[in-house]
Amino acid sequence: MISTKKLKTISMSFLVFLTIMGCKNDNKANIEDSNSTASENVESKMQGQAFIKDDESKPNVLQVALGSPDHSTLVTAVQAADLENALVNAGPLMVFAPTNEAFAALPQGTVENLLKPENKDALANILKYHVTPGNYSKDFLKKFKKLGQANNQDVMIEVQGDDVFVGGAKIVASVPAGNGIVHVIDKVLLPANQ
């Protein structure tokens, strides 16, 4: 038979053991909580349709731009204006995508100034002027005189021989996308109110 003194010693040892294990589990839970909080902070900045991985379907208009080394300035501007999710909507969307050279042709300091956080609305307005609903080929665009853009302004269409100009910018290439089409242009379109 176990003595009372031995029973108290075993009970105390067991309580100490449970207390230590409880502390270890609390620390582990705290570490897991802080790791999940840090992970959630990163993930909260990458929410929406723009960040869904899909290797099966045709690239959307944003993915076409992301995959083009000639459009890194455009991608930077889209990210600065927080418009990624708008460009992955079901569409169809036509995006008139100025090349890096087109952005470089703007007056010195223009792009850098537009990328500042305080100019986010102006940048978004310019970028929306490059987007219109629809999925029209370059040849089909020859039937139009103007298009209504996503910033609620119209852009004029002009045809010169086989060339199509949108707001004075020449369409130099077209890339079909899963949610529309990307027309590569040689100039940045600037809305009238900019």
N, C-alpha and C. Protein backbone atom coordinates (compact mmCIF):
# COMPACT_ATOMS: atom_id res chain seq x y z
N MET A 1 0.82 -1.17 0.00
CA MET A 1 0.00 0.00 0.00
C MET A 1 0.87 1.25 0.00
N ILE A 2 0.40 2.28 -0.75
CA ILE A 2 1.18 3.51 -0.88
C ILE A 2 0.88 4.40 0.30
N SER A 3 1.96 4.96 0.84
CA SER A 3 1.78 5.85 1.99
C SER A 3 1.23 7.19 1.52
N THR A 4 0.66 7.94 2.45
CA THR A 4 0.09 9.26 2.16
C THR A 4 1.16 10.21 1.66
N LYS A 5 2.34 10.13 2.26
CA LYS A 5 3.44 11.00 1.86
C LYS A 5 3.85 10.71 0.42
N LYS A 6 3.95 9.43 0.05
CA LYS A 6 4.33 9.04 -1.30
C LYS A 6 3.24 9.46 -2.29
N LEU A 7 1.98 9.34 -1.90
CA LEU A 7 0.86 9.74 -2.76
C LEU A 7 0.89 11.24 -3.02
N LYS A 8 1.20 12.04 -1.99
CA LYS A 8 1.30 13.49 -2.16
C LYS A 8 2.44 13.83 -3.12
N THR A 9 3.58 13.13 -2.99
CA THR A 9 4.74 13.38 -3.85
C THR A 9 4.40 13.06 -5.31
N ILE A 10 3.73 11.96 -5.54
CA ILE A 10 3.34 11.57 -6.90
C ILE A 10 2.34 12.59 -7.47
N SER A 11 1.38 12.99 -6.65
CA SER A 11 0.37 13.95 -7.09
C SER A 11 1.02 15.28 -7.46
N MET A 12 1.95 15.75 -6.60
CA MET A 12 2.65 17.02 -6.87
C MET A 12 3.47 16.91 -8.16
N SER A 13 4.16 15.78 -8.33
CA SER A 13 4.96 15.57 -9.54
C SER A 13 4.07 15.61 -10.78
N PHE A 14 2.91 14.98 -10.68
CA PHE A 14 1.98 14.95 -11.80
C PHE A 14 1.46 16.36 -12.11
N LEU A 15 1.14 17.14 -11.09
CA LEU A 15 0.67 18.51 -11.28
C LEU A 15 1.75 19.39 -11.92
N VAL A 16 3.00 19.22 -11.46
CA VAL A 16 4.11 19.98 -12.04
C VAL A 16 4.27 19.61 -13.51
N PHE A 17 4.18 18.31 -13.81
CA PHE A 17 4.29 17.83 -15.19
C PHE A 17 3.19 18.46 -16.07
N LEU A 18 1.94 18.45 -15.59
CA LEU A 18 0.84 19.04 -16.35
C LEU A 18 1.03 20.54 -16.55
N THR A 19 1.52 21.22 -15.53
CA THR A 19 1.76 22.67 -15.64
C THR A 19 2.81 22.96 -16.70
N ILE A 20 3.90 22.19 -16.69
CA ILE A 20 4.97 22.39 -17.67
C ILE A 20 4.46 22.12 -19.08
N MET A 21 3.71 21.05 -19.25
CA MET A 21 3.17 20.71 -20.57
C MET A 21 2.20 21.78 -21.04
N GLY A 22 1.40 22.31 -20.12
CA GLY A 22 0.46 23.37 -20.47
C GLY A 22 1.19 24.61 -20.94
N CYS A 23 2.28 24.97 -20.28
CA CYS A 23 3.08 26.14 -20.68
C CYS A 23 3.68 25.93 -22.06
N LYS A 24 4.18 24.73 -22.30
CA LYS A 24 4.79 24.46 -23.62
C LYS A 24 3.73 24.59 -24.71
N ASN A 25 2.53 24.05 -24.45
CA ASN A 25 1.47 24.14 -25.45
C ASN A 25 1.03 25.58 -25.66
N ASP A 26 0.98 26.39 -24.59
CA ASP A 26 0.64 27.81 -24.73
C ASP A 26 1.67 28.53 -25.58
N ASN A 27 2.96 28.26 -25.33
CA ASN A 27 4.02 28.89 -26.12
C ASN A 27 3.91 28.48 -27.58
N LYS A 28 3.66 27.19 -27.80
CA LYS A 28 3.52 26.71 -29.17
C LYS A 28 2.33 27.39 -29.85
N ALA A 29 1.23 27.52 -29.11
CA ALA A 29 0.04 28.17 -29.66
C ALA A 29 0.34 29.63 -29.97
N ASN A 30 1.08 30.31 -29.07
CA ASN A 30 1.43 31.72 -29.30
C ASN A 30 2.31 31.86 -30.53
N ILE A 31 3.26 30.96 -30.70
CA ILE A 31 4.15 30.99 -31.87
C ILE A 31 3.34 30.75 -33.13
N GLU A 32 2.45 29.74 -33.09
CA GLU A 32 1.61 29.45 -34.25
C GLU A 32 0.71 30.63 -34.56
N ASP A 33 0.14 31.28 -33.50
CA ASP A 33 -0.71 32.45 -33.73
C ASP A 33 0.06 33.57 -34.39
N SER A 34 1.29 33.84 -33.92
CA SER A 34 2.07 34.94 -34.51
C SER A 34 2.48 34.60 -35.93
N ASN A 35 2.80 33.33 -36.21
CA ASN A 35 3.14 32.93 -37.58
C ASN A 35 1.93 33.06 -38.49
N SER A 36 0.75 32.63 -38.01
CA SER A 36 -0.43 32.72 -38.86
C SER A 36 -0.83 34.18 -39.07
N THR A 37 -0.62 35.06 -38.07
CA THR A 37 -0.91 36.48 -38.23
C THR A 37 -0.01 37.09 -39.29
N ALA A 38 1.28 36.78 -39.26
CA ALA A 38 2.21 37.29 -40.27
C ALA A 38 1.82 36.78 -41.64
N SER A 39 1.46 35.52 -41.73
CA SER A 39 1.05 34.94 -43.00
C SER A 39 -0.23 35.60 -43.51
N GLU A 40 -1.19 35.85 -42.59
CA GLU A 40 -2.44 36.50 -42.98
C GLU A 40 -2.19 37.91 -43.48
N ASN A 41 -1.23 38.65 -42.88
CA ASN A 41 -0.92 40.00 -43.33
C ASN A 41 -0.42 39.99 -44.76
N VAL A 42 0.45 39.05 -45.10
CA VAL A 42 0.97 38.95 -46.47
C VAL A 42 -0.17 38.56 -47.42
N GLU A 43 -0.97 37.58 -47.00
CA GLU A 43 -2.06 37.11 -47.85
C GLU A 43 -3.13 38.17 -48.04
N SER A 44 -3.36 39.04 -47.04
CA SER A 44 -4.39 40.06 -47.17
C SER A 44 -4.06 41.06 -48.25
N LYS A 45 -2.79 41.22 -48.58
CA LYS A 45 -2.39 42.12 -49.65
C LYS A 45 -2.47 41.44 -51.01
N MET A 46 -2.68 40.13 -51.01
CA MET A 46 -2.75 39.38 -52.26
C MET A 46 -4.09 38.69 -52.37
N GLN A 47 -5.17 39.45 -52.21
CA GLN A 47 -6.50 38.87 -52.27
C GLN A 47 -7.16 39.21 -53.59
N GLY A 48 -8.14 38.45 -53.94
CA GLY A 48 -8.92 38.72 -55.13
C GLY A 48 -8.56 37.78 -56.27
N GLN A 49 -9.28 37.96 -57.34
CA GLN A 49 -9.13 37.08 -58.49
C GLN A 49 -7.75 37.17 -59.13
N ALA A 50 -7.09 38.32 -59.00
CA ALA A 50 -5.79 38.50 -59.66
C ALA A 50 -4.74 37.53 -59.15
N PHE A 51 -4.95 36.98 -57.97
CA PHE A 51 -3.92 36.16 -57.35
C PHE A 51 -4.28 34.68 -57.30
N ILE A 52 -5.35 34.28 -58.01
CA ILE A 52 -5.72 32.88 -58.08
C ILE A 52 -4.83 32.19 -59.11
N LYS A 53 -4.26 31.07 -58.72
CA LYS A 53 -3.39 30.30 -59.62
C LYS A 53 -4.26 29.40 -60.48
N ASP A 54 -4.03 29.45 -61.80
CA ASP A 54 -4.78 28.62 -62.73
C ASP A 54 -3.87 28.31 -63.92
N ASP A 55 -3.38 27.08 -63.96
CA ASP A 55 -2.46 26.68 -65.02
C ASP A 55 -3.18 26.07 -66.22
N GLU A 56 -4.51 25.94 -66.13
CA GLU A 56 -5.26 25.23 -67.14
C GLU A 56 -5.80 26.13 -68.25
N SER A 57 -6.31 27.31 -67.90
CA SER A 57 -6.99 28.13 -68.89
C SER A 57 -6.04 29.11 -69.57
N LYS A 58 -6.57 29.76 -70.60
CA LYS A 58 -5.81 30.76 -71.35
C LYS A 58 -5.51 31.95 -70.43
N PRO A 59 -4.32 32.55 -70.50
CA PRO A 59 -3.99 33.68 -69.63
C PRO A 59 -4.97 34.85 -69.82
N ASN A 60 -5.32 35.50 -68.71
CA ASN A 60 -6.19 36.67 -68.81
C ASN A 60 -5.35 37.88 -69.21
N VAL A 61 -6.00 39.04 -69.39
CA VAL A 61 -5.28 40.21 -69.89
C VAL A 61 -4.16 40.65 -68.94
N LEU A 62 -4.37 40.50 -67.64
CA LEU A 62 -3.31 40.85 -66.69
C LEU A 62 -2.13 39.90 -66.83
N GLN A 63 -2.40 38.62 -66.96
CA GLN A 63 -1.32 37.64 -67.10
C GLN A 63 -0.55 37.84 -68.39
N VAL A 64 -1.23 38.27 -69.46
CA VAL A 64 -0.54 38.57 -70.71
C VAL A 64 0.46 39.69 -70.48
N ALA A 65 0.02 40.75 -69.78
CA ALA A 65 0.92 41.89 -69.50
C ALA A 65 2.06 41.46 -68.58
N LEU A 66 1.74 40.66 -67.56
CA LEU A 66 2.78 40.20 -66.64
C LEU A 66 3.84 39.37 -67.35
N GLY A 67 3.44 38.65 -68.38
CA GLY A 67 4.37 37.79 -69.10
C GLY A 67 5.17 38.50 -70.18
N SER A 68 4.91 39.78 -70.38
CA SER A 68 5.58 40.52 -71.44
C SER A 68 6.68 41.42 -70.88
N PRO A 69 7.94 41.21 -71.29
CA PRO A 69 9.01 42.09 -70.81
C PRO A 69 8.87 43.52 -71.33
N ASP A 70 8.09 43.72 -72.40
CA ASP A 70 7.88 45.06 -72.96
C ASP A 70 6.81 45.86 -72.23
N HIS A 71 6.19 45.26 -71.21
CA HIS A 71 5.10 45.94 -70.50
C HIS A 71 5.33 46.03 -68.99
N SER A 72 6.58 46.00 -68.57
CA SER A 72 6.87 46.06 -67.13
C SER A 72 6.44 47.39 -66.50
N THR A 73 6.54 48.49 -67.25
CA THR A 73 6.10 49.79 -66.71
C THR A 73 4.59 49.79 -66.53
N LEU A 74 3.87 49.24 -67.50
CA LEU A 74 2.42 49.15 -67.39
C LEU A 74 2.02 48.31 -66.19
N VAL A 75 2.68 47.18 -65.99
CA VAL A 75 2.37 46.31 -64.86
C VAL A 75 2.64 47.05 -63.54
N THR A 76 3.74 47.76 -63.46
CA THR A 76 4.05 48.53 -62.25
C THR A 76 2.96 49.57 -61.98
N ALA A 77 2.49 50.22 -63.04
CA ALA A 77 1.43 51.23 -62.88
C ALA A 77 0.12 50.59 -62.43
N VAL A 78 -0.23 49.44 -63.02
CA VAL A 78 -1.46 48.73 -62.63
C VAL A 78 -1.39 48.34 -61.16
N GLN A 79 -0.23 47.88 -60.72
CA GLN A 79 -0.08 47.50 -59.31
C GLN A 79 -0.14 48.72 -58.40
N ALA A 80 0.46 49.83 -58.81
CA ALA A 80 0.43 51.06 -57.99
C ALA A 80 -0.99 51.60 -57.86
N ALA A 81 -1.81 51.39 -58.87
CA ALA A 81 -3.20 51.87 -58.84
C ALA A 81 -4.16 50.83 -58.26
N ASP A 82 -3.64 49.67 -57.85
CA ASP A 82 -4.47 48.59 -57.29
C ASP A 82 -5.59 48.16 -58.25
N LEU A 83 -5.25 47.98 -59.52
CA LEU A 83 -6.24 47.59 -60.52
C LEU A 83 -6.09 46.15 -61.00
N GLU A 84 -5.25 45.36 -60.34
CA GLU A 84 -5.03 43.98 -60.78
C GLU A 84 -6.33 43.19 -60.87
N ASN A 85 -7.16 43.27 -59.84
CA ASN A 85 -8.38 42.48 -59.81
C ASN A 85 -9.37 42.89 -60.90
N ALA A 86 -9.37 44.16 -61.27
CA ALA A 86 -10.27 44.62 -62.34
C ALA A 86 -9.90 44.01 -63.69
N LEU A 87 -8.62 43.72 -63.88
CA LEU A 87 -8.17 43.20 -65.17
C LEU A 87 -8.33 41.68 -65.31
N VAL A 88 -8.78 41.03 -64.27
CA VAL A 88 -8.98 39.58 -64.36
C VAL A 88 -10.47 39.22 -64.31
N ASN A 89 -11.33 40.23 -64.34
CA ASN A 89 -12.77 39.97 -64.36
C ASN A 89 -13.13 39.20 -65.62
N ALA A 90 -14.31 38.61 -65.60
CA ALA A 90 -14.74 37.75 -66.70
C ALA A 90 -14.72 38.46 -68.04
N GLY A 91 -14.93 39.77 -68.03
CA GLY A 91 -14.86 40.53 -69.27
C GLY A 91 -16.07 40.29 -70.15
N PRO A 92 -15.88 40.40 -71.45
CA PRO A 92 -14.59 40.57 -72.12
C PRO A 92 -14.06 41.99 -72.00
N LEU A 93 -12.75 42.09 -71.98
CA LEU A 93 -12.06 43.38 -71.87
C LEU A 93 -11.09 43.56 -73.03
N MET A 94 -11.04 44.79 -73.52
CA MET A 94 -9.98 45.15 -74.46
C MET A 94 -9.05 46.08 -73.72
N VAL A 95 -7.79 45.71 -73.67
CA VAL A 95 -6.79 46.55 -73.02
C VAL A 95 -5.84 47.05 -74.10
N PHE A 96 -5.69 48.37 -74.15
CA PHE A 96 -4.72 48.98 -75.04
C PHE A 96 -3.47 49.20 -74.20
N ALA A 97 -2.45 48.38 -74.46
CA ALA A 97 -1.29 48.27 -73.59
C ALA A 97 -0.07 49.00 -74.17
N PRO A 98 0.25 50.17 -73.61
CA PRO A 98 1.44 50.88 -74.07
C PRO A 98 2.71 50.12 -73.67
N THR A 99 3.69 50.14 -74.55
CA THR A 99 4.97 49.49 -74.27
C THR A 99 5.79 50.35 -73.31
N ASN A 100 6.88 49.76 -72.82
CA ASN A 100 7.81 50.52 -71.98
C ASN A 100 8.33 51.75 -72.73
N GLU A 101 8.59 51.61 -74.03
CA GLU A 101 9.06 52.73 -74.84
C GLU A 101 8.03 53.85 -74.89
N ALA A 102 6.75 53.49 -74.94
CA ALA A 102 5.69 54.49 -74.96
C ALA A 102 5.69 55.29 -73.66
N PHE A 103 5.86 54.61 -72.53
CA PHE A 103 5.94 55.32 -71.25
C PHE A 103 7.20 56.18 -71.19
N ALA A 104 8.30 55.68 -71.73
CA ALA A 104 9.57 56.43 -71.71
C ALA A 104 9.49 57.70 -72.55
N ALA A 105 8.58 57.73 -73.54
CA ALA A 105 8.42 58.90 -74.40
C ALA A 105 7.66 60.04 -73.72
N LEU A 106 7.04 59.77 -72.58
CA LEU A 106 6.36 60.83 -71.84
C LEU A 106 7.40 61.81 -71.29
N PRO A 107 6.98 63.04 -71.01
CA PRO A 107 7.95 64.00 -70.43
C PRO A 107 8.65 63.42 -69.20
N GLN A 108 9.92 63.74 -69.06
CA GLN A 108 10.73 63.20 -67.98
C GLN A 108 10.06 63.44 -66.61
N GLY A 109 10.02 62.40 -65.81
CA GLY A 109 9.46 62.47 -64.46
C GLY A 109 7.97 62.19 -64.39
N THR A 110 7.29 62.10 -65.53
CA THR A 110 5.84 61.88 -65.54
C THR A 110 5.47 60.55 -64.88
N VAL A 111 6.11 59.48 -65.31
CA VAL A 111 5.79 58.15 -64.77
C VAL A 111 6.10 58.10 -63.28
N GLU A 112 7.27 58.57 -62.90
CA GLU A 112 7.66 58.55 -61.48
C GLU A 112 6.66 59.32 -60.63
N ASN A 113 6.19 60.46 -61.14
CA ASN A 113 5.24 61.28 -60.42
C ASN A 113 3.89 60.56 -60.28
N LEU A 114 3.44 59.92 -61.36
CA LEU A 114 2.16 59.20 -61.32
C LEU A 114 2.19 58.00 -60.38
N LEU A 115 3.37 57.41 -60.19
CA LEU A 115 3.48 56.24 -59.32
C LEU A 115 3.46 56.57 -57.83
N LYS A 116 3.52 57.86 -57.50
CA LYS A 116 3.47 58.26 -56.08
C LYS A 116 2.08 57.96 -55.52
N PRO A 117 2.02 57.52 -54.26
CA PRO A 117 0.72 57.17 -53.65
C PRO A 117 -0.31 58.30 -53.71
N GLU A 118 0.12 59.53 -53.60
CA GLU A 118 -0.83 60.65 -53.62
C GLU A 118 -1.45 60.88 -55.00
N ASN A 119 -0.89 60.26 -56.04
CA ASN A 119 -1.42 60.40 -57.40
C ASN A 119 -2.13 59.14 -57.90
N LYS A 120 -2.51 58.28 -56.95
CA LYS A 120 -3.13 57.00 -57.29
C LYS A 120 -4.41 57.18 -58.11
N ASP A 121 -5.24 58.17 -57.77
CA ASP A 121 -6.50 58.37 -58.50
C ASP A 121 -6.24 58.83 -59.94
N ALA A 122 -5.29 59.73 -60.12
CA ALA A 122 -4.96 60.19 -61.46
C ALA A 122 -4.40 59.05 -62.30
N LEU A 123 -3.55 58.23 -61.69
CA LEU A 123 -2.98 57.08 -62.38
C LEU A 123 -4.08 56.09 -62.77
N ALA A 124 -4.99 55.83 -61.85
CA ALA A 124 -6.10 54.91 -62.14
C ALA A 124 -6.96 55.44 -63.29
N ASN A 125 -7.21 56.74 -63.32
CA ASN A 125 -7.99 57.34 -64.40
C ASN A 125 -7.31 57.13 -65.75
N ILE A 126 -6.00 57.34 -65.80
CA ILE A 126 -5.24 57.14 -67.05
C ILE A 126 -5.30 55.67 -67.47
N LEU A 127 -5.09 54.77 -66.52
CA LEU A 127 -5.10 53.34 -66.85
C LEU A 127 -6.48 52.88 -67.31
N LYS A 128 -7.53 53.37 -66.69
CA LYS A 128 -8.89 53.00 -67.10
C LYS A 128 -9.21 53.52 -68.50
N TYR A 129 -8.52 54.57 -68.92
CA TYR A 129 -8.69 55.12 -70.26
C TYR A 129 -8.11 54.17 -71.32
N HIS A 130 -7.37 53.18 -70.86
CA HIS A 130 -6.78 52.17 -71.75
C HIS A 130 -7.61 50.88 -71.82
N VAL A 131 -8.79 50.87 -71.19
CA VAL A 131 -9.61 49.65 -71.11
C VAL A 131 -11.03 49.95 -71.56
N THR A 132 -11.58 49.03 -72.34
CA THR A 132 -12.97 49.14 -72.77
C THR A 132 -13.60 47.74 -72.79
N PRO A 133 -14.90 47.65 -72.57
CA PRO A 133 -15.54 46.34 -72.67
C PRO A 133 -15.55 45.87 -74.12
N GLY A 134 -15.39 44.59 -74.32
CA GLY A 134 -15.43 44.01 -75.66
C GLY A 134 -14.22 43.16 -75.93
N ASN A 135 -14.26 42.51 -77.08
CA ASN A 135 -13.17 41.65 -77.50
C ASN A 135 -13.09 41.72 -79.02
N TYR A 136 -12.65 42.88 -79.52
CA TYR A 136 -12.66 43.13 -80.94
C TYR A 136 -11.25 43.07 -81.52
N SER A 137 -11.14 42.41 -82.65
CA SER A 137 -9.86 42.35 -83.35
C SER A 137 -9.52 43.74 -83.90
N LYS A 138 -8.28 43.89 -84.30
CA LYS A 138 -7.83 45.16 -84.91
C LYS A 138 -8.68 45.47 -86.14
N ASP A 139 -8.94 44.47 -86.97
CA ASP A 139 -9.74 44.69 -88.18
C ASP A 139 -11.18 45.08 -87.84
N PHE A 140 -11.75 44.47 -86.81
CA PHE A 140 -13.12 44.81 -86.44
C PHE A 140 -13.20 46.23 -85.89
N LEU A 141 -12.14 46.69 -85.23
CA LEU A 141 -12.12 48.05 -84.69
C LEU A 141 -12.21 49.10 -85.80
N LYS A 142 -11.88 48.73 -87.02
CA LYS A 142 -11.97 49.67 -88.15
C LYS A 142 -13.40 50.15 -88.38
N LYS A 143 -14.38 49.43 -87.86
CA LYS A 143 -15.79 49.79 -88.03
C LYS A 143 -16.24 50.88 -87.05
N PHE A 144 -15.41 51.20 -86.07
CA PHE A 144 -15.78 52.15 -85.03
C PHE A 144 -15.19 53.55 -85.30
N LYS A 145 -15.87 54.55 -84.81
CA LYS A 145 -15.34 55.93 -84.81
C LYS A 145 -14.78 56.29 -83.44
N LYS A 146 -15.40 55.68 -82.40
CA LYS A 146 -14.94 55.93 -81.03
C LYS A 146 -15.35 54.76 -80.15
N LEU A 147 -14.68 54.68 -79.01
CA LEU A 147 -14.98 53.66 -78.01
C LEU A 147 -15.20 54.33 -76.66
N GLY A 148 -16.12 53.80 -75.87
CA GLY A 148 -16.32 54.28 -74.50
C GLY A 148 -15.39 53.52 -73.58
N GLN A 149 -14.53 54.24 -72.89
CA GLN A 149 -13.52 53.62 -72.04
C GLN A 149 -14.01 53.45 -70.60
N ALA A 150 -13.28 52.69 -69.81
CA ALA A 150 -13.66 52.37 -68.43
C ALA A 150 -13.66 53.59 -67.51
N ASN A 151 -13.03 54.69 -67.93
CA ASN A 151 -13.05 55.90 -67.09
C ASN A 151 -14.18 56.85 -67.51
N ASN A 152 -15.13 56.33 -68.30
CA ASN A 152 -16.32 57.06 -68.76
C ASN A 152 -16.00 58.16 -69.76
N GLN A 153 -14.90 58.06 -70.46
CA GLN A 153 -14.57 58.98 -71.55
C GLN A 153 -14.46 58.19 -72.85
N ASP A 154 -14.61 58.90 -73.94
CA ASP A 154 -14.49 58.26 -75.25
C ASP A 154 -13.08 58.44 -75.80
N VAL A 155 -12.65 57.44 -76.58
CA VAL A 155 -11.39 57.53 -77.29
C VAL A 155 -11.72 57.35 -78.78
N MET A 156 -11.08 58.16 -79.62
CA MET A 156 -11.37 58.15 -81.05
C MET A 156 -10.57 57.04 -81.75
N ILE A 157 -11.20 56.44 -82.76
CA ILE A 157 -10.57 55.41 -83.59
C ILE A 157 -10.33 56.03 -84.97
N GLU A 158 -9.13 55.83 -85.49
CA GLU A 158 -8.79 56.33 -86.81
C GLU A 158 -8.13 55.20 -87.61
N VAL A 159 -8.49 55.10 -88.87
CA VAL A 159 -7.93 54.06 -89.73
C VAL A 159 -7.11 54.74 -90.84
N GLN A 160 -5.88 54.27 -91.00
CA GLN A 160 -5.01 54.75 -92.08
C GLN A 160 -4.46 53.52 -92.80
N GLY A 161 -5.08 53.19 -93.93
CA GLY A 161 -4.69 51.98 -94.64
C GLY A 161 -5.01 50.75 -93.81
N ASP A 162 -4.00 49.93 -93.53
CA ASP A 162 -4.19 48.75 -92.68
C ASP A 162 -3.97 49.05 -91.20
N ASP A 163 -3.52 50.25 -90.90
CA ASP A 163 -3.22 50.62 -89.52
C ASP A 163 -4.44 51.18 -88.81
N VAL A 164 -4.56 50.81 -87.54
CA VAL A 164 -5.63 51.32 -86.68
C VAL A 164 -4.99 52.10 -85.54
N PHE A 165 -5.50 53.33 -85.33
CA PHE A 165 -5.00 54.20 -84.27
C PHE A 165 -6.12 54.41 -83.25
N VAL A 166 -5.78 54.27 -82.00
CA VAL A 166 -6.72 54.47 -80.90
C VAL A 166 -6.21 55.66 -80.11
N GLY A 167 -6.96 56.76 -80.15
CA GLY A 167 -6.51 57.95 -79.44
C GLY A 167 -5.15 58.43 -79.91
N GLY A 168 -4.83 58.20 -81.17
CA GLY A 168 -3.53 58.61 -81.72
C GLY A 168 -2.43 57.58 -81.56
N ALA A 169 -2.70 56.51 -80.85
CA ALA A 169 -1.70 55.45 -80.63
C ALA A 169 -1.95 54.32 -81.63
N LYS A 170 -0.91 53.87 -82.28
CA LYS A 170 -1.02 52.82 -83.29
C LYS A 170 -1.04 51.44 -82.63
N ILE A 171 -1.97 50.59 -83.06
CA ILE A 171 -1.98 49.20 -82.61
C ILE A 171 -0.89 48.48 -83.38
N VAL A 172 0.13 47.99 -82.67
CA VAL A 172 1.27 47.33 -83.31
C VAL A 172 1.21 45.81 -83.21
N ALA A 173 0.38 45.29 -82.32
CA ALA A 173 0.22 43.85 -82.16
C ALA A 173 -1.04 43.60 -81.33
N SER A 174 -1.56 42.38 -81.43
CA SER A 174 -2.73 41.99 -80.64
C SER A 174 -2.51 40.60 -80.08
N VAL A 175 -2.86 40.42 -78.81
CA VAL A 175 -2.68 39.13 -78.14
C VAL A 175 -4.02 38.70 -77.53
N PRO A 176 -4.62 37.63 -78.04
CA PRO A 176 -5.87 37.14 -77.43
C PRO A 176 -5.63 36.70 -75.99
N ALA A 177 -6.63 36.90 -75.15
CA ALA A 177 -6.54 36.51 -73.74
C ALA A 177 -7.80 35.74 -73.36
N GLY A 178 -7.76 35.10 -72.21
CA GLY A 178 -8.90 34.33 -71.73
C GLY A 178 -10.12 35.17 -71.45
N ASN A 179 -9.94 36.44 -71.12
CA ASN A 179 -11.07 37.32 -70.80
C ASN A 179 -11.11 38.54 -71.72
N GLY A 180 -10.54 38.42 -72.92
CA GLY A 180 -10.59 39.53 -73.86
C GLY A 180 -9.40 39.53 -74.79
N ILE A 181 -8.85 40.72 -75.00
CA ILE A 181 -7.72 40.88 -75.92
C ILE A 181 -6.84 42.04 -75.48
N VAL A 182 -5.55 41.89 -75.70
CA VAL A 182 -4.61 42.96 -75.41
C VAL A 182 -4.11 43.49 -76.75
N HIS A 183 -4.35 44.78 -77.00
CA HIS A 183 -3.81 45.44 -78.19
C HIS A 183 -2.59 46.24 -77.74
N VAL A 184 -1.44 45.89 -78.24
CA VAL A 184 -0.20 46.60 -77.91
C VAL A 184 -0.18 47.90 -78.71
N ILE A 185 0.04 49.03 -78.01
CA ILE A 185 0.06 50.34 -78.67
C ILE A 185 1.39 51.05 -78.44
N ASP A 186 1.70 52.02 -79.32
CA ASP A 186 3.00 52.67 -79.27
C ASP A 186 3.03 54.00 -78.53
N LYS A 187 1.90 54.39 -77.92
CA LYS A 187 1.82 55.64 -77.15
C LYS A 187 0.93 55.42 -75.93
N VAL A 188 1.14 56.25 -74.92
CA VAL A 188 0.28 56.23 -73.74
C VAL A 188 -0.92 57.13 -74.04
N LEU A 189 -2.11 56.62 -73.80
CA LEU A 189 -3.33 57.41 -74.00
C LEU A 189 -3.55 58.30 -72.78
N LEU A 190 -3.72 59.59 -73.03
CA LEU A 190 -3.96 60.52 -71.92
C LEU A 190 -5.36 61.12 -72.05
N PRO A 191 -6.20 60.91 -71.04
CA PRO A 191 -7.57 61.45 -71.10
C PRO A 191 -7.53 62.97 -71.16
N ALA A 192 -8.62 63.54 -71.66
CA ALA A 192 -8.70 65.00 -71.83
C ALA A 192 -8.55 65.75 -70.52
N ASN A 193 -8.98 65.16 -69.41
CA ASN A 193 -8.92 65.88 -68.13
C ASN A 193 -7.63 65.66 -67.37
N GLN A 194 -6.58 65.18 -68.03
CA GLN A 194 -5.30 64.97 -67.34
C GLN A 194 -4.34 66.09 -67.63
